[in-house]
């Protein structure tokens, strides 16, 4: 798994996560989300390069959503077909914001 970051002028940040988001990689993403949630108004999670997402990965996406509720929010950007299928199967597509 890799995480690339793009800081935007409007106090937003895009995290481009690639590879697998599962029990072995979720703690790294969780740590990074907690670090940046205090500094930015909005987080974009670009999941276009995710090959696999487990329940641990879903927990991380929900954590990002929760951390940003009182700010500008969290947006899932371009989820991979696998991610989209998992979000739909779990009903998370009704909770999260997507672009």
PDB file of N, CA and C in Angstrom:
ATOM      1  N   UNK A   1       0.835  -1.172   0.000  1.00  0.00           N
ATOM      2  CA  UNK A   1       0.000   0.000   0.000  1.00  0.00           C
ATOM      3  C   UNK A   1       0.881   1.236   0.000  1.00  0.00           C
ATOM      4  N   UNK A   2       0.458   2.241  -0.711  1.00  0.00           N
ATOM      5  CA  UNK A   2       1.134   3.534  -0.689  1.00  0.00           C
ATOM      6  C   UNK A   2       0.093   4.629  -0.479  1.00  0.00           C
ATOM      7  N   UNK A   3       0.555   5.722   0.102  1.00  0.00           N
ATOM      8  CA  UNK A   3      -0.288   6.901   0.301  1.00  0.00           C
ATOM      9  C   UNK A   3       0.447   8.089  -0.291  1.00  0.00           C
ATOM     10  N   UNK A   4      -0.185   8.750  -1.240  1.00  0.00           N
ATOM     11  CA  UNK A   4       0.344   9.995  -1.789  1.00  0.00           C
ATOM     12  C   UNK A   4      -0.573  11.108  -1.317  1.00  0.00           C
ATOM     13  N   UNK A   5       0.009  12.261  -1.049  1.00  0.00           N
ATOM     14  CA  UNK A   5      -0.775  13.383  -0.539  1.00  0.00           C
ATOM     15  C   UNK A   5      -0.639  14.592  -1.457  1.00  0.00           C
ATOM     16  N   UNK A   6      -1.754  15.265  -1.681  1.00  0.00           N
ATOM     17  CA  UNK A   6      -1.767  16.511  -2.425  1.00  0.00           C
ATOM     18  C   UNK A   6      -2.499  17.540  -1.580  1.00  0.00           C
ATOM     19  N   UNK A   7      -1.781  18.579  -1.159  1.00  0.00           N
ATOM     20  CA  UNK A   7      -2.376  19.653  -0.369  1.00  0.00           C
ATOM     21  C   UNK A   7      -2.947  20.689  -1.324  1.00  0.00           C
ATOM     22  N   UNK A   8      -4.158  21.139  -1.041  1.00  0.00           N
ATOM     23  CA  UNK A   8      -4.838  22.110  -1.895  1.00  0.00           C
ATOM     24  C   UNK A   8      -4.911  23.462  -1.188  1.00  0.00           C
ATOM     25  N   UNK A   9      -5.093  24.487  -1.955  1.00  0.00           N
ATOM     26  CA  UNK A   9      -5.085  25.859  -1.427  1.00  0.00           C
ATOM     27  C   UNK A   9      -6.243  26.144  -0.475  1.00  0.00           C
ATOM     28  N   UNK A  10      -7.323  25.407  -0.572  1.00  0.00           N
ATOM     29  CA  UNK A  10      -8.508  25.679   0.251  1.00  0.00           C
ATOM     30  C   UNK A  10      -8.523  24.897   1.570  1.00  0.00           C
ATOM     31  N   UNK A  11      -7.359  24.607   2.100  1.00  0.00           N
ATOM     32  CA  UNK A  11      -7.207  23.845   3.352  1.00  0.00           C
ATOM     33  C   UNK A  11      -7.778  22.440   3.256  1.00  0.00           C
ATOM     34  N   UNK A  12      -7.679  21.868   2.061  1.00  0.00           N
ATOM     35  CA  UNK A  12      -8.083  20.492   1.818  1.00  0.00           C
ATOM     36  C   UNK A  12      -6.848  19.664   1.495  1.00  0.00           C
ATOM     37  N   UNK A  13      -6.977  18.364   1.652  1.00  0.00           N
ATOM     38  CA  UNK A  13      -5.900  17.453   1.288  1.00  0.00           C
ATOM     39  C   UNK A  13      -6.515  16.235   0.615  1.00  0.00           C
ATOM     40  N   UNK A  14      -5.836  15.750  -0.404  1.00  0.00           N
ATOM     41  CA  UNK A  14      -6.251  14.526  -1.072  1.00  0.00           C
ATOM     42  C   UNK A  14      -5.251  13.443  -0.731  1.00  0.00           C
ATOM     43  N   UNK A  15      -5.762  12.322  -0.225  1.00  0.00           N
ATOM     44  CA  UNK A  15      -4.936  11.149   0.023  1.00  0.00           C
ATOM     45  C   UNK A  15      -5.242  10.142  -1.064  1.00  0.00           C
ATOM     46  N   UNK A  16      -4.245   9.818  -1.854  1.00  0.00           N
ATOM     47  CA  UNK A  16      -4.399   8.818  -2.902  1.00  0.00           C
ATOM     48  C   UNK A  16      -3.820   7.523  -2.349  1.00  0.00           C
ATOM     49  N   UNK A  17      -4.706   6.597  -2.058  1.00  0.00           N
ATOM     50  CA  UNK A  17      -4.300   5.336  -1.441  1.00  0.00           C
ATOM     51  C   UNK A  17      -4.351   4.252  -2.513  1.00  0.00           C
ATOM     52  N   UNK A  18      -3.273   3.504  -2.627  1.00  0.00           N
ATOM     53  CA  UNK A  18      -3.238   2.443  -3.631  1.00  0.00           C
ATOM     54  C   UNK A  18      -2.853   1.121  -2.979  1.00  0.00           C
ATOM     55  N   UNK A  19      -3.260   0.033  -3.623  1.00  0.00           N
ATOM     56  CA  UNK A  19      -2.949  -1.301  -3.113  1.00  0.00           C
ATOM     57  C   UNK A  19      -4.103  -1.856  -2.307  1.00  0.00           C
ATOM     58  N   UNK A  20      -3.755  -2.475  -1.187  1.00  0.00           N
ATOM     59  CA  UNK A  20      -4.739  -3.113  -0.315  1.00  0.00           C
ATOM     60  C   UNK A  20      -4.946  -2.286   0.948  1.00  0.00           C
ATOM     61  N   UNK A  21      -6.197  -2.115   1.328  1.00  0.00           N
ATOM     62  CA  UNK A  21      -6.528  -1.441   2.574  1.00  0.00           C
ATOM     63  C   UNK A  21      -7.177  -2.501   3.465  1.00  0.00           C
ATOM     64  N   UNK A  22      -6.335  -3.113   4.307  1.00  0.00           N
ATOM     65  CA  UNK A  22      -6.778  -4.233   5.129  1.00  0.00           C
ATOM     66  C   UNK A  22      -6.151  -4.154   6.518  1.00  0.00           C
ATOM     67  N   UNK A  23      -6.204  -5.226   7.272  1.00  0.00           N
ATOM     68  CA  UNK A  23      -5.717  -5.204   8.656  1.00  0.00           C
ATOM     69  C   UNK A  23      -4.240  -4.868   8.774  1.00  0.00           C
ATOM     70  N   UNK A  24      -3.462  -5.205   7.789  1.00  0.00           N
ATOM     71  CA  UNK A  24      -2.026  -4.904   7.882  1.00  0.00           C
ATOM     72  C   UNK A  24      -1.702  -3.461   7.511  1.00  0.00           C
ATOM     73  N   UNK A  25      -2.523  -2.818   6.700  1.00  0.00           N
ATOM     74  CA  UNK A  25      -2.225  -1.456   6.251  1.00  0.00           C
ATOM     75  C   UNK A  25      -3.104  -0.388   6.903  1.00  0.00           C
ATOM     76  N   UNK A  26      -4.254  -0.784   7.418  1.00  0.00           N
ATOM     77  CA  UNK A  26      -5.185   0.180   8.012  1.00  0.00           C
ATOM     78  C   UNK A  26      -4.573   1.014   9.137  1.00  0.00           C
ATOM     79  N   UNK A  27      -3.740   0.441  10.027  1.00  0.00           N
ATOM     80  CA  UNK A  27      -3.164   1.272  11.091  1.00  0.00           C
ATOM     81  C   UNK A  27      -2.316   2.431  10.572  1.00  0.00           C
ATOM     82  N   UNK A  28      -1.640   2.251   9.453  1.00  0.00           N
ATOM     83  CA  UNK A  28      -0.843   3.339   8.870  1.00  0.00           C
ATOM     84  C   UNK A  28      -1.738   4.471   8.387  1.00  0.00           C
ATOM     85  N   UNK A  29      -2.819   4.117   7.741  1.00  0.00           N
ATOM     86  CA  UNK A  29      -3.762   5.126   7.249  1.00  0.00           C
ATOM     87  C   UNK A  29      -4.451   5.809   8.426  1.00  0.00           C
ATOM     88  N   UNK A  30      -4.814   5.044   9.436  1.00  0.00           N
ATOM     89  CA  UNK A  30      -5.458   5.615  10.621  1.00  0.00           C
ATOM     90  C   UNK A  30      -4.554   6.650  11.288  1.00  0.00           C
ATOM     91  N   UNK A  31      -3.307   6.311  11.452  1.00  0.00           N
ATOM     92  CA  UNK A  31      -2.360   7.246  12.072  1.00  0.00           C
ATOM     93  C   UNK A  31      -2.260   8.533  11.263  1.00  0.00           C
ATOM     94  N   UNK A  32      -2.155   8.395   9.958  1.00  0.00           N
ATOM     95  CA  UNK A  32      -2.027   9.576   9.095  1.00  0.00           C
ATOM     96  C   UNK A  32      -3.300  10.420   9.129  1.00  0.00           C
ATOM     97  N   UNK A  33      -4.456   9.781   9.116  1.00  0.00           N
ATOM     98  CA  UNK A  33      -5.719  10.522   9.167  1.00  0.00           C
ATOM     99  C   UNK A  33      -5.836  11.331  10.453  1.00  0.00           C
ATOM    100  N   UNK A  34      -5.454  10.743  11.560  1.00  0.00           N
ATOM    101  CA  UNK A  34      -5.527  11.457  12.834  1.00  0.00           C
ATOM    102  C   UNK A  34      -4.580  12.650  12.850  1.00  0.00           C
ATOM    103  N   UNK A  35      -3.424  12.507  12.207  1.00  0.00           N
ATOM    104  CA  UNK A  35      -2.458  13.617  12.142  1.00  0.00           C
ATOM    105  C   UNK A  35      -2.995  14.769  11.302  1.00  0.00           C
ATOM    106  N   UNK A  36      -3.576  14.462  10.162  1.00  0.00           N
ATOM    107  CA  UNK A  36      -3.983  15.533   9.246  1.00  0.00           C
ATOM    108  C   UNK A  36      -5.364  16.094   9.537  1.00  0.00           C
ATOM    109  N   UNK A  37      -6.203  15.359  10.273  1.00  0.00           N
ATOM    110  CA  UNK A  37      -7.573  15.830  10.493  1.00  0.00           C
ATOM    111  C   UNK A  37      -7.621  17.146  11.260  1.00  0.00           C
ATOM    112  N   UNK A  38      -6.609  17.415  12.049  1.00  0.00           N
ATOM    113  CA  UNK A  38      -6.585  18.666  12.811  1.00  0.00           C
ATOM    114  C   UNK A  38      -6.096  19.847  11.986  1.00  0.00           C
ATOM    115  N   UNK A  39      -5.380  19.581  10.907  1.00  0.00           N
ATOM    116  CA  UNK A  39      -4.776  20.656  10.117  1.00  0.00           C
ATOM    117  C   UNK A  39      -5.582  21.046   8.885  1.00  0.00           C
ATOM    118  N   UNK A  40      -6.506  20.199   8.454  1.00  0.00           N
ATOM    119  CA  UNK A  40      -7.217  20.456   7.204  1.00  0.00           C
ATOM    120  C   UNK A  40      -8.721  20.516   7.439  1.00  0.00           C
ATOM    121  N   UNK A  41      -9.404  21.246   6.572  1.00  0.00           N
ATOM    122  CA  UNK A  41     -10.845  21.408   6.663  1.00  0.00           C
ATOM    123  C   UNK A  41     -11.610  20.303   5.935  1.00  0.00           C
ATOM    124  N   UNK A  42     -10.986  19.707   4.932  1.00  0.00           N
ATOM    125  CA  UNK A  42     -11.643  18.662   4.144  1.00  0.00           C
ATOM    126  C   UNK A  42     -10.610  17.642   3.723  1.00  0.00           C
ATOM    127  N   UNK A  43     -11.013  16.385   3.733  1.00  0.00           N
ATOM    128  CA  UNK A  43     -10.155  15.298   3.263  1.00  0.00           C
ATOM    129  C   UNK A  43     -10.845  14.619   2.090  1.00  0.00           C
ATOM    130  N   UNK A  44     -10.097  14.450   1.021  1.00  0.00           N
ATOM    131  CA  UNK A  44     -10.546  13.664  -0.119  1.00  0.00           C
ATOM    132  C   UNK A  44      -9.786  12.342  -0.071  1.00  0.00           C
ATOM    133  N   UNK A  45     -10.503  11.229   0.027  1.00  0.00           N
ATOM    134  CA  UNK A  45      -9.874   9.909  -0.026  1.00  0.00           C
ATOM    135  C   UNK A  45     -10.025   9.393  -1.447  1.00  0.00           C
ATOM    136  N   UNK A  46      -8.943   9.421  -2.197  1.00  0.00           N
ATOM    137  CA  UNK A  46      -8.959   8.919  -3.563  1.00  0.00           C
ATOM    138  C   UNK A  46      -8.686   7.421  -3.492  1.00  0.00           C
ATOM    139  N   UNK A  47      -9.700   6.628  -3.790  1.00  0.00           N
ATOM    140  CA  UNK A  47      -9.600   5.176  -3.692  1.00  0.00           C
ATOM    141  C   UNK A  47      -9.618   4.511  -5.067  1.00  0.00           C
ATOM    142  N   UNK A  48      -9.230   5.249  -6.081  1.00  0.00           N
ATOM    143  CA  UNK A  48      -9.268   4.717  -7.445  1.00  0.00           C
ATOM    144  C   UNK A  48      -8.256   3.596  -7.674  1.00  0.00           C
ATOM    145  N   UNK A  49      -7.214   3.544  -6.848  1.00  0.00           N
ATOM    146  CA  UNK A  49      -6.162   2.538  -7.027  1.00  0.00           C
ATOM    147  C   UNK A  49      -6.207   1.442  -5.964  1.00  0.00           C
ATOM    148  N   UNK A  50      -7.318   1.327  -5.253  1.00  0.00           N
ATOM    149  CA  UNK A  50      -7.471   0.281  -4.248  1.00  0.00           C
ATOM    150  C   UNK A  50      -7.859  -1.023  -4.935  1.00  0.00           C
ATOM    151  N   UNK A  51      -7.072  -2.064  -4.677  1.00  0.00           N
ATOM    152  CA  UNK A  51      -7.344  -3.389  -5.243  1.00  0.00           C
ATOM    153  C   UNK A  51      -8.270  -4.203  -4.356  1.00  0.00           C
ATOM    154  N   UNK A  52      -8.180  -3.957  -3.036  1.00  0.00           N
ATOM    155  CA  UNK A  52      -8.949  -4.730  -2.065  1.00  0.00           C
ATOM    156  C   UNK A  52      -9.170  -3.883  -0.828  1.00  0.00           C
ATOM    157  N   UNK A  53     -10.366  -3.948  -0.270  1.00  0.00           N
ATOM    158  CA  UNK A  53     -10.661  -3.260   0.988  1.00  0.00           C
ATOM    159  C   UNK A  53     -11.392  -4.242   1.898  1.00  0.00           C
ATOM    160  N   UNK A  54     -10.885  -4.399   3.115  1.00  0.00           N
ATOM    161  CA  UNK A  54     -11.486  -5.312   4.087  1.00  0.00           C
ATOM    162  C   UNK A  54     -12.329  -4.518   5.071  1.00  0.00           C
ATOM    163  N   UNK A  55     -12.884  -5.205   6.063  1.00  0.00           N
ATOM    164  CA  UNK A  55     -13.666  -4.519   7.088  1.00  0.00           C
ATOM    165  C   UNK A  55     -12.787  -3.531   7.858  1.00  0.00           C
ATOM    166  N   UNK A  56     -11.505  -3.833   8.009  1.00  0.00           N
ATOM    167  CA  UNK A  56     -10.592  -2.883   8.666  1.00  0.00           C
ATOM    168  C   UNK A  56     -10.451  -1.620   7.822  1.00  0.00           C
ATOM    169  N   UNK A  57     -10.425  -1.771   6.518  1.00  0.00           N
ATOM    170  CA  UNK A  57     -10.369  -0.620   5.617  1.00  0.00           C
ATOM    171  C   UNK A  57     -11.649   0.194   5.669  1.00  0.00           C
ATOM    172  N   UNK A  58     -12.781  -0.481   5.746  1.00  0.00           N
ATOM    173  CA  UNK A  58     -14.063   0.225   5.868  1.00  0.00           C
ATOM    174  C   UNK A  58     -14.108   1.029   7.161  1.00  0.00           C
ATOM    175  N   UNK A  59     -13.557   0.455   8.224  1.00  0.00           N
ATOM    176  CA  UNK A  59     -13.514   1.169   9.505  1.00  0.00           C
ATOM    177  C   UNK A  59     -12.710   2.455   9.366  1.00  0.00           C
ATOM    178  N   UNK A  60     -11.628   2.420   8.599  1.00  0.00           N
ATOM    179  CA  UNK A  60     -10.783   3.601   8.388  1.00  0.00           C
ATOM    180  C   UNK A  60     -11.549   4.672   7.614  1.00  0.00           C
ATOM    181  N   UNK A  61     -12.296   4.263   6.615  1.00  0.00           N
ATOM    182  CA  UNK A  61     -13.090   5.224   5.840  1.00  0.00           C
ATOM    183  C   UNK A  61     -14.132   5.878   6.744  1.00  0.00           C
ATOM    184  N   UNK A  62     -14.785   5.080   7.591  1.00  0.00           N
ATOM    185  CA  UNK A  62     -15.756   5.645   8.533  1.00  0.00           C
ATOM    186  C   UNK A  62     -15.086   6.548   9.563  1.00  0.00           C
ATOM    187  N   UNK A  63     -13.878   6.202   9.985  1.00  0.00           N
ATOM    188  CA  UNK A  63     -13.131   7.050  10.907  1.00  0.00           C
ATOM    189  C   UNK A  63     -12.869   8.415  10.276  1.00  0.00           C
ATOM    190  N   UNK A  64     -12.432   8.428   9.027  1.00  0.00           N
ATOM    191  CA  UNK A  64     -12.179   9.695   8.326  1.00  0.00           C
ATOM    192  C   UNK A  64     -13.459  10.516   8.258  1.00  0.00           C
ATOM    193  N   UNK A  65     -14.561   9.860   7.964  1.00  0.00           N
ATOM    194  CA  UNK A  65     -15.865  10.538   7.919  1.00  0.00           C
ATOM    195  C   UNK A  65     -16.181  11.162   9.277  1.00  0.00           C
ATOM    196  N   UNK A  66     -16.000  10.404  10.343  1.00  0.00           N
ATOM    197  CA  UNK A  66     -16.297  10.883  11.694  1.00  0.00           C
ATOM    198  C   UNK A  66     -15.373  12.028  12.110  1.00  0.00           C
ATOM    199  N   UNK A  67     -14.079  11.905  11.813  1.00  0.00           N
ATOM    200  CA  UNK A  67     -13.117  12.944  12.183  1.00  0.00           C
ATOM    201  C   UNK A  67     -13.437  14.281  11.531  1.00  0.00           C
ATOM    202  N   UNK A  68     -14.015  14.240  10.349  1.00  0.00           N
ATOM    203  CA  UNK A  68     -14.239  15.462   9.584  1.00  0.00           C
ATOM    204  C   UNK A  68     -15.685  15.977   9.642  1.00  0.00           C
ATOM    205  N   UNK A  69     -16.550  15.327  10.398  1.00  0.00           N
ATOM    206  CA  UNK A  69     -17.963  15.738  10.471  1.00  0.00           C
ATOM    207  C   UNK A  69     -18.145  17.181  10.896  1.00  0.00           C
ATOM    208  N   UNK A  70     -17.356  17.659  11.837  1.00  0.00           N
ATOM    209  CA  UNK A  70     -17.524  19.018  12.342  1.00  0.00           C
ATOM    210  C   UNK A  70     -16.759  20.048  11.514  1.00  0.00           C
ATOM    211  N   UNK A  71     -16.112  19.586  10.472  1.00  0.00           N
ATOM    212  CA  UNK A  71     -15.349  20.485   9.597  1.00  0.00           C
ATOM    213  C   UNK A  71     -15.999  20.482   8.221  1.00  0.00           C
ATOM    214  N   UNK A  72     -15.195  20.523   7.188  1.00  0.00           N
ATOM    215  CA  UNK A  72     -15.700  20.557   5.821  1.00  0.00           C
ATOM    216  C   UNK A  72     -16.092  19.209   5.261  1.00  0.00           C
ATOM    217  N   UNK A  73     -15.809  18.152   6.008  1.00  0.00           N
ATOM    218  CA  UNK A  73     -16.227  16.820   5.582  1.00  0.00           C
ATOM    219  C   UNK A  73     -15.134  15.999   4.940  1.00  0.00           C
ATOM    220  N   UNK A  74     -15.501  14.768   4.655  1.00  0.00           N
ATOM    221  CA  UNK A  74     -14.630  13.825   3.964  1.00  0.00           C
ATOM    222  C   UNK A  74     -15.378  13.345   2.727  1.00  0.00           C
ATOM    223  N   UNK A  75     -14.660  13.264   1.622  1.00  0.00           N
ATOM    224  CA  UNK A  75     -15.255  12.849   0.357  1.00  0.00           C
ATOM    225  C   UNK A  75     -14.456  11.676  -0.196  1.00  0.00           C
ATOM    226  N   UNK A  76     -15.158  10.628  -0.605  1.00  0.00           N
ATOM    227  CA  UNK A  76     -14.520   9.505  -1.280  1.00  0.00           C
ATOM    228  C   UNK A  76     -14.474   9.853  -2.757  1.00  0.00           C
ATOM    229  N   UNK A  77     -13.272   9.848  -3.295  1.00  0.00           N
ATOM    230  CA  UNK A  77     -13.077  10.252  -4.687  1.00  0.00           C
ATOM    231  C   UNK A  77     -12.724   9.040  -5.542  1.00  0.00           C
ATOM    232  N   UNK A  78     -13.460   8.859  -6.610  1.00  0.00           N
ATOM    233  CA  UNK A  78     -13.184   7.840  -7.629  1.00  0.00           C
ATOM    234  C   UNK A  78     -12.927   6.446  -7.055  1.00  0.00           C
ATOM    235  N   UNK A  79     -13.851   5.892  -6.273  1.00  0.00           N
ATOM    236  CA  UNK A  79     -13.588   4.557  -5.733  1.00  0.00           C
ATOM    237  C   UNK A  79     -13.447   3.525  -6.847  1.00  0.00           C
ATOM    238  N   UNK A  80     -12.527   2.601  -6.654  1.00  0.00           N
ATOM    239  CA  UNK A  80     -12.332   1.526  -7.630  1.00  0.00           C
ATOM    240  C   UNK A  80     -13.614   0.707  -7.721  1.00  0.00           C
ATOM    241  N   UNK A  81     -13.785  -0.053  -8.792  1.00  0.00           N
ATOM    242  CA  UNK A  81     -14.991  -0.885  -8.898  1.00  0.00           C
ATOM    243  C   UNK A  81     -15.173  -1.818  -7.696  1.00  0.00           C
ATOM    244  N   UNK A  82     -14.072  -2.377  -7.181  1.00  0.00           N
ATOM    245  CA  UNK A  82     -14.165  -3.254  -6.016  1.00  0.00           C
ATOM    246  C   UNK A  82     -14.668  -2.469  -4.802  1.00  0.00           C
ATOM    247  N   UNK A  83     -14.103  -1.284  -4.569  1.00  0.00           N
ATOM    248  CA  UNK A  83     -14.539  -0.455  -3.447  1.00  0.00           C
ATOM    249  C   UNK A  83     -15.999  -0.079  -3.582  1.00  0.00           C
ATOM    250  N   UNK A  84     -16.387   0.325  -4.754  1.00  0.00           N
ATOM    251  CA  UNK A  84     -17.780   0.733  -4.978  1.00  0.00           C
ATOM    252  C   UNK A  84     -18.725  -0.430  -4.653  1.00  0.00           C
ATOM    253  N   UNK A  85     -18.354  -1.625  -5.080  1.00  0.00           N
ATOM    254  CA  UNK A  85     -19.170  -2.806  -4.820  1.00  0.00           C
ATOM    255  C   UNK A  85     -19.282  -3.068  -3.310  1.00  0.00           C
ATOM    256  N   UNK A  86     -18.178  -2.925  -2.587  1.00  0.00           N
ATOM    257  CA  UNK A  86     -18.188  -3.136  -1.138  1.00  0.00           C
ATOM    258  C   UNK A  86     -19.017  -2.051  -0.447  1.00  0.00           C
ATOM    259  N   UNK A  87     -18.866  -0.799  -0.864  1.00  0.00           N
ATOM    260  CA  UNK A  87     -19.652   0.287  -0.275  1.00  0.00           C
ATOM    261  C   UNK A  87     -21.151   0.048  -0.480  1.00  0.00           C
ATOM    262  N   UNK A  88     -21.527  -0.418  -1.664  1.00  0.00           N
ATOM    263  CA  UNK A  88     -22.931  -0.685  -1.949  1.00  0.00           C
ATOM    264  C   UNK A  88     -23.441  -1.877  -1.138  1.00  0.00           C
ATOM    265  N   UNK A  89     -22.626  -2.923  -1.018  1.00  0.00           N
ATOM    266  CA  UNK A  89     -23.036  -4.124  -0.286  1.00  0.00           C
ATOM    267  C   UNK A  89     -23.218  -3.847   1.207  1.00  0.00           C
ATOM    268  N   UNK A  90     -22.443  -2.906   1.743  1.00  0.00           N
ATOM    269  CA  UNK A  90     -22.508  -2.596   3.174  1.00  0.00           C
ATOM    270  C   UNK A  90     -23.434  -1.422   3.486  1.00  0.00           C
ATOM    271  N   UNK A  91     -23.935  -0.749   2.466  1.00  0.00           N
ATOM    272  CA  UNK A  91     -24.804   0.399   2.674  1.00  0.00           C
ATOM    273  C   UNK A  91     -24.038   1.688   2.953  1.00  0.00           C
ATOM    274  N   UNK A  92     -22.731   1.632   2.904  1.00  0.00           N
ATOM    275  CA  UNK A  92     -21.942   2.836   3.157  1.00  0.00           C
ATOM    276  C   UNK A  92     -22.119   3.876   2.062  1.00  0.00           C
ATOM    277  N   UNK A  93     -22.565   3.452   0.888  1.00  0.00           N
ATOM    278  CA  UNK A  93     -22.808   4.410  -0.181  1.00  0.00           C
ATOM    279  C   UNK A  93     -23.927   5.384   0.164  1.00  0.00           C
ATOM    280  N   UNK A  94     -24.754   5.034   1.184  1.00  0.00           N
ATOM    281  CA  UNK A  94     -25.828   5.918   1.632  1.00  0.00           C
ATOM    282  C   UNK A  94     -25.372   6.882   2.724  1.00  0.00           C
ATOM    283  N   UNK A  95     -24.190   6.669   3.257  1.00  0.00           N
ATOM    284  CA  UNK A  95     -23.671   7.479   4.364  1.00  0.00           C
ATOM    285  C   UNK A  95     -22.613   8.470   3.889  1.00  0.00           C
ATOM    286  N   UNK A  96     -21.767   8.005   2.995  1.00  0.00           N
ATOM    287  CA  UNK A  96     -20.588   8.797   2.576  1.00  0.00           C
ATOM    288  C   UNK A  96     -20.898   9.691   1.390  1.00  0.00           C
ATOM    289  N   UNK A  97     -20.048  10.709   1.221  1.00  0.00           N
ATOM    290  CA  UNK A  97     -20.111  11.586   0.045  1.00  0.00           C
ATOM    291  C   UNK A  97     -19.127  11.079  -0.990  1.00  0.00           C
ATOM    292  N   UNK A  98     -19.552  11.032  -2.240  1.00  0.00           N
ATOM    293  CA  UNK A  98     -18.721  10.535  -3.327  1.00  0.00           C
ATOM    294  C   UNK A  98     -18.621  11.571  -4.449  1.00  0.00           C
ATOM    295  N   UNK A  99     -17.452  11.591  -5.085  1.00  0.00           N
ATOM    296  CA  UNK A  99     -17.324  12.328  -6.347  1.00  0.00           C
ATOM    297  C   UNK A  99     -16.553  11.461  -7.312  1.00  0.00           C
TER     298      UNK A  99
END
